Amino acid sequence: MSRHVLVLGGTTEARQLAAELAVRPGTRVTTSLAGRVTRPGAIAGDVRVGGFGGAEGLADWLRVHDVAAVVDATHPFAATITANAARATAATGRPLAVLRRPGWHPGPGDRWHPAGSLADAARLLPDLGRRVLLTTGRMDLAAFAHLDRLHFLVRSVEPAGPPVPPDMTQVLARGPFTVADELALLREHRIDVLVTKDSGGAATAAKLTAARELGLPVLVVRRPPPPDGVSVVPGVAEALAWLGLGPDTASEDLG
């Protein structure tokens, strides 16, 4: 019988992990997507789309589908999904690993301003600039919708819906982005402050380099901490090792 691994997906790392698991003998992988992106791209193995119905619904799904282990490879800011995964796996006795790419760190010349939340970022923003590149994602614009004296350039993969800032230009784009691209965007729109989440990874890090080169302040929203007591791994290789799967090993029971 194959061992069934559930990957809570939506990130590049989740797609990479599914591809690795799909070719391992004795392993079956299902990737679960929230369904917020209409064209998520090809994913190896089985794919399900939509919510589970909270922690209890996820626990039921784990039991019904005989899941042996769960890897939460959602976005570092998907705190609700991560919390539900922790509760569901604790209730069912399934092991859980949270795959979180390392966060970003400021370097020489960076003008970073940490924010504990989106609301905190919105509070700090008016003192830092008037023309804002906002890259926190289309689901988070409500936190900035009351700032009617600022101009926002909003970049997201898909169009944003209300509530949104009243003075807003939207750019639809998907990373990775180059430093040259980011410099051109910042200059074209006369941006004087950048707002971003600490998502980590290389795909969208070029904006930070561009902001440094132009001497722009950057509001960086800190990522929420993972739930207490769960295993946290920084990448796909570490997730495979946690599952007992090295580069050339077959599936083994987690015990």
Protein backbone atom coordinates (compact mmCIF):
# COMPACT_ATOMS: atom_id res chain seq x y z
CA MET A 1 0.00 0.00 0.00
CA SER A 2 1.30 3.46 -0.88
CA ARG A 3 1.79 6.14 1.75
CA HIS A 4 -0.43 9.16 1.16
CA VAL A 5 1.14 12.60 1.75
CA LEU A 6 -1.01 15.74 1.73
CA VAL A 7 0.76 18.93 0.64
CA LEU A 8 -1.02 22.17 1.46
CA GLY A 9 0.13 24.14 -1.55
CA GLY A 10 0.12 27.42 -3.41
CA THR A 11 3.85 28.14 -3.44
CA THR A 12 6.76 27.25 -5.70
CA GLU A 13 8.11 24.99 -2.98
CA ALA A 14 4.82 23.10 -2.79
CA ARG A 15 4.90 22.44 -6.53
CA GLN A 16 8.52 21.29 -6.32
CA LEU A 17 7.76 19.00 -3.40
CA ALA A 18 4.79 17.43 -5.20
CA ALA A 19 6.99 16.75 -8.22
CA GLU A 20 9.56 15.00 -6.01
CA LEU A 21 6.95 12.92 -4.17
CA ALA A 22 5.07 11.92 -7.32
CA VAL A 23 8.06 9.93 -8.63
CA ARG A 24 8.89 8.17 -5.36
CA PRO A 25 7.87 4.50 -5.31
CA GLY A 26 5.29 3.75 -2.67
CA THR A 27 4.24 7.38 -2.25
CA ARG A 28 1.02 9.08 -3.29
CA VAL A 29 0.80 12.86 -3.11
CA THR A 30 -2.23 15.14 -3.08
CA THR A 31 -1.76 18.91 -3.28
CA SER A 32 -4.54 21.05 -1.85
CA LEU A 33 -5.06 24.56 -3.23
CA ALA A 34 -7.28 27.26 -1.73
CA GLY A 35 -8.57 28.19 -5.20
CA ARG A 36 -7.74 31.90 -5.08
CA VAL A 37 -5.68 31.73 -8.29
CA THR A 38 -7.61 30.65 -11.37
CA ARG A 39 -4.59 29.31 -13.30
CA PRO A 40 -2.23 27.71 -10.78
CA GLY A 41 -0.15 25.79 -13.34
CA ALA A 42 0.61 22.11 -13.65
CA ILE A 43 1.14 20.16 -10.41
CA ALA A 44 2.32 16.56 -10.19
CA GLY A 45 0.14 14.00 -8.45
CA ASP A 46 -3.45 14.52 -7.36
CA VAL A 47 -4.85 18.03 -6.87
CA ARG A 48 -7.87 19.20 -4.88
CA VAL A 49 -9.17 22.78 -4.89
CA GLY A 50 -11.15 24.54 -2.16
CA GLY A 51 -11.32 24.70 1.61
CA PHE A 52 -11.79 21.78 3.97
CA GLY A 53 -14.25 23.46 6.32
CA GLY A 54 -11.83 24.44 9.06
CA ALA A 55 -9.72 22.21 11.27
CA GLU A 56 -12.51 19.67 11.84
CA GLY A 57 -13.15 19.32 8.11
CA LEU A 58 -9.46 18.83 7.44
CA ALA A 59 -9.24 16.21 10.19
CA ASP A 60 -12.13 14.32 8.61
CA TRP A 61 -10.43 14.50 5.20
CA LEU A 62 -7.19 13.10 6.65
CA ARG A 63 -9.06 10.16 8.12
CA VAL A 64 -11.22 9.42 5.07
CA HIS A 65 -8.29 9.59 2.64
CA ASP A 66 -5.88 7.71 4.91
CA VAL A 67 -3.26 10.47 4.92
CA ALA A 68 0.00 9.44 6.57
CA ALA A 69 1.68 12.85 6.81
CA VAL A 70 0.98 16.52 6.04
CA VAL A 71 3.38 19.15 4.75
CA ASP A 72 2.08 22.70 5.00
CA ALA A 73 3.82 24.49 2.14
CA THR A 74 1.40 27.41 1.97
CA HIS A 75 2.45 31.05 1.85
CA PRO A 76 4.29 32.20 5.01
CA PHE A 77 1.34 34.52 5.75
CA ALA A 78 -1.39 31.86 5.43
CA ALA A 79 -1.74 31.76 9.22
CA THR A 80 -5.31 30.44 9.32
CA ILE A 81 -4.53 27.44 7.11
CA THR A 82 -1.42 26.66 9.14
CA ALA A 83 -3.31 26.86 12.42
CA ASN A 84 -6.04 24.57 11.07
CA ALA A 85 -3.42 22.09 9.88
CA ALA A 86 -1.82 22.04 13.33
CA ARG A 87 -5.16 21.38 15.04
CA ALA A 88 -6.26 18.77 12.50
CA THR A 89 -3.03 16.78 12.63
CA ALA A 90 -2.96 16.92 16.43
CA ALA A 91 -6.54 15.59 16.52
CA THR A 92 -5.78 12.74 14.14
CA GLY A 93 -2.25 11.87 15.23
CA ARG A 94 -0.76 12.67 11.84
CA PRO A 95 2.72 14.23 11.70
CA LEU A 96 2.93 17.79 10.35
CA ALA A 97 5.85 19.75 8.94
CA VAL A 98 5.62 23.43 8.02
CA LEU A 99 7.77 24.26 4.99
CA ARG A 100 8.79 27.91 5.26
CA ARG A 101 11.42 29.45 3.01
CA PRO A 102 13.81 31.68 4.99
CA GLY A 103 12.74 35.29 5.37
CA TRP A 104 14.57 38.32 4.03
CA HIS A 105 17.13 40.28 6.03
CA PRO A 106 18.25 43.89 5.50
CA GLY A 107 21.75 44.61 4.27
CA PRO A 108 23.98 47.67 4.09
CA GLY A 109 22.15 50.61 2.55
CA ASP A 110 18.64 49.24 3.17
CA ARG A 111 16.09 51.58 4.75
CA TRP A 112 13.72 48.98 6.18
CA HIS A 113 10.91 49.74 8.59
CA PRO A 114 9.42 46.64 10.25
CA ALA A 115 5.66 46.39 10.70
CA GLY A 116 3.98 43.82 12.90
CA SER A 117 0.86 43.60 10.76
CA LEU A 118 -0.86 45.10 7.73
CA ALA A 119 -2.70 47.50 10.02
CA ASP A 120 0.62 48.57 11.51
CA ALA A 121 2.03 49.12 8.01
CA ALA A 122 -0.97 51.28 7.07
CA ARG A 123 -0.44 53.37 10.20
CA LEU A 124 3.26 53.94 9.49
CA LEU A 125 2.95 54.48 5.74
CA PRO A 126 1.87 58.16 5.50
CA ASP A 127 5.06 59.27 7.26
CA LEU A 128 7.29 57.49 4.74
CA GLY A 129 6.00 58.55 1.32
CA ARG A 130 3.11 59.52 -0.93
CA ARG A 131 3.54 57.25 -3.96
CA VAL A 132 3.44 53.64 -2.85
CA LEU A 133 4.34 50.37 -4.56
CA LEU A 134 2.13 47.91 -2.65
CA THR A 135 3.04 44.25 -3.18
CA THR A 136 1.27 42.59 -0.24
CA GLY A 137 -1.26 40.82 -2.49
CA ARG A 138 -4.76 41.60 -3.70
CA MET A 139 -6.46 40.02 -0.68
CA ASP A 140 -4.90 42.55 1.72
CA LEU A 141 -5.85 45.89 0.15
CA ALA A 142 -8.64 46.56 2.64
CA ALA A 143 -6.03 47.46 5.26
CA PHE A 144 -4.99 50.43 3.08
CA ALA A 145 -8.39 51.42 1.66
CA HIS A 146 -8.82 54.37 4.06
CA LEU A 147 -5.59 56.10 2.95
CA ASP A 148 -7.10 58.56 0.49
CA ARG A 149 -4.13 60.94 0.35
CA LEU A 150 -1.68 58.41 -1.05
CA HIS A 151 -1.31 57.04 -4.57
CA PHE A 152 -0.95 53.25 -4.71
CA LEU A 153 0.62 51.18 -7.45
CA VAL A 154 -0.70 47.69 -6.68
CA ARG A 155 0.94 44.63 -8.20
CA SER A 156 -0.78 41.26 -8.01
CA VAL A 157 -1.25 38.10 -10.05
CA GLU A 158 -5.01 38.63 -10.52
CA PRO A 159 -7.29 41.70 -10.37
CA ALA A 160 -8.21 43.03 -6.96
CA GLY A 161 -11.75 43.57 -5.75
CA PRO A 162 -13.10 46.11 -3.28
CA PRO A 163 -12.39 47.51 -0.80
CA VAL A 164 -9.29 49.10 -2.34
CA PRO A 165 -7.50 52.45 -1.93
CA PRO A 166 -9.35 55.21 -3.83
CA ASP A 167 -6.26 56.41 -5.73
CA MET A 168 -4.88 53.18 -7.18
CA THR A 169 -3.21 51.91 -10.34
CA GLN A 170 -3.07 48.15 -10.75
CA VAL A 171 -0.39 46.11 -12.53
CA LEU A 172 -1.02 42.41 -13.15
CA ALA A 173 2.24 40.47 -13.12
CA ARG A 174 3.77 37.27 -11.78
CA GLY A 175 7.37 36.93 -10.67
CA PRO A 176 10.22 36.33 -10.89
CA PHE A 177 11.21 39.94 -11.55
CA THR A 178 14.66 41.31 -12.37
CA VAL A 179 16.31 44.27 -10.69
CA ALA A 180 16.23 46.14 -14.01
CA ASP A 181 12.49 45.53 -14.29
CA GLU A 182 11.90 46.77 -10.76
CA LEU A 183 14.04 49.87 -11.23
CA ALA A 184 12.11 50.75 -14.38
CA LEU A 185 8.77 50.26 -12.60
CA LEU A 186 9.75 52.38 -9.61
CA ARG A 187 11.07 55.18 -11.80
CA GLU A 188 8.16 55.15 -14.25
CA HIS A 189 5.60 55.53 -11.46
CA ARG A 190 7.77 57.86 -9.32
CA ILE A 191 7.47 55.54 -6.34
CA ASP A 192 8.89 56.87 -3.07
CA VAL A 193 8.04 54.00 -0.69
CA LEU A 194 7.67 50.21 -1.03
CA VAL A 195 5.38 48.02 1.09
CA THR A 196 5.93 44.27 1.10
CA LYS A 197 5.43 41.19 3.22
CA ASP A 198 8.46 39.23 4.34
CA SER A 199 7.63 36.40 1.95
CA GLY A 200 11.25 35.35 1.43
CA GLY A 201 12.58 33.62 -1.65
CA ALA A 202 14.24 34.94 -4.79
CA ALA A 203 11.22 35.34 -7.11
CA THR A 204 10.20 38.75 -5.75
CA ALA A 205 13.36 39.87 -3.93
CA ALA A 206 14.59 42.10 -6.77
CA LYS A 207 12.28 44.90 -5.63
CA LEU A 208 14.28 45.13 -2.40
CA THR A 209 17.53 45.56 -4.31
CA ALA A 210 15.91 48.17 -6.54
CA ALA A 211 14.60 50.08 -3.53
CA ARG A 212 18.08 50.03 -1.99
CA GLU A 213 19.65 51.37 -5.18
CA LEU A 214 17.15 54.24 -5.26
CA GLY A 215 17.40 54.91 -1.53
CA LEU A 216 13.70 54.23 -0.94
CA PRO A 217 12.21 53.30 2.43
CA VAL A 218 10.66 49.82 2.62
CA LEU A 219 7.87 48.83 4.98
CA VAL A 220 8.34 45.11 5.66
CA VAL A 221 5.44 43.27 7.29
CA ARG A 222 6.77 40.53 9.56
CA ARG A 223 5.51 36.99 8.96
CA PRO A 224 3.42 35.34 11.67
CA PRO A 225 5.17 32.65 13.73
CA PRO A 226 4.25 29.01 13.13
CA PRO A 227 2.14 27.22 15.74
CA ASP A 228 3.98 25.92 18.79
CA GLY A 229 5.26 22.38 18.66
CA VAL A 230 5.30 21.79 14.89
CA SER A 231 8.35 20.86 12.83
CA VAL A 232 9.54 23.70 10.58
CA VAL A 233 11.74 22.98 7.55
CA PRO A 234 13.29 25.63 5.26
CA GLY A 235 13.10 23.87 1.90
CA VAL A 236 12.06 20.93 -0.24
CA ALA A 237 15.14 18.82 0.52
CA GLU A 238 14.52 19.20 4.24
CA ALA A 239 10.85 18.30 3.81
CA LEU A 240 11.85 15.13 1.97
CA ALA A 241 14.30 14.27 4.74
CA TRP A 242 11.57 14.83 7.34
CA LEU A 243 9.39 12.39 5.39
CA GLY A 244 12.23 9.87 5.42
CA LEU A 245 12.89 10.32 1.71
CA GLY A 246 16.42 11.16 0.63
CA PRO A 247 17.37 11.80 -3.02
CA ASP A 248 17.27 8.12 -3.92
CA THR A 249 15.25 6.48 -1.16
CA ALA A 250 11.89 4.79 -1.38
CA SER A 251 8.98 5.68 0.84
CA GLU A 252 9.19 4.57 4.46
CA ASP A 253 6.72 4.65 7.31
CA LEU A 254 7.04 7.61 9.67
CA GLY A 255 6.29 5.35 12.62
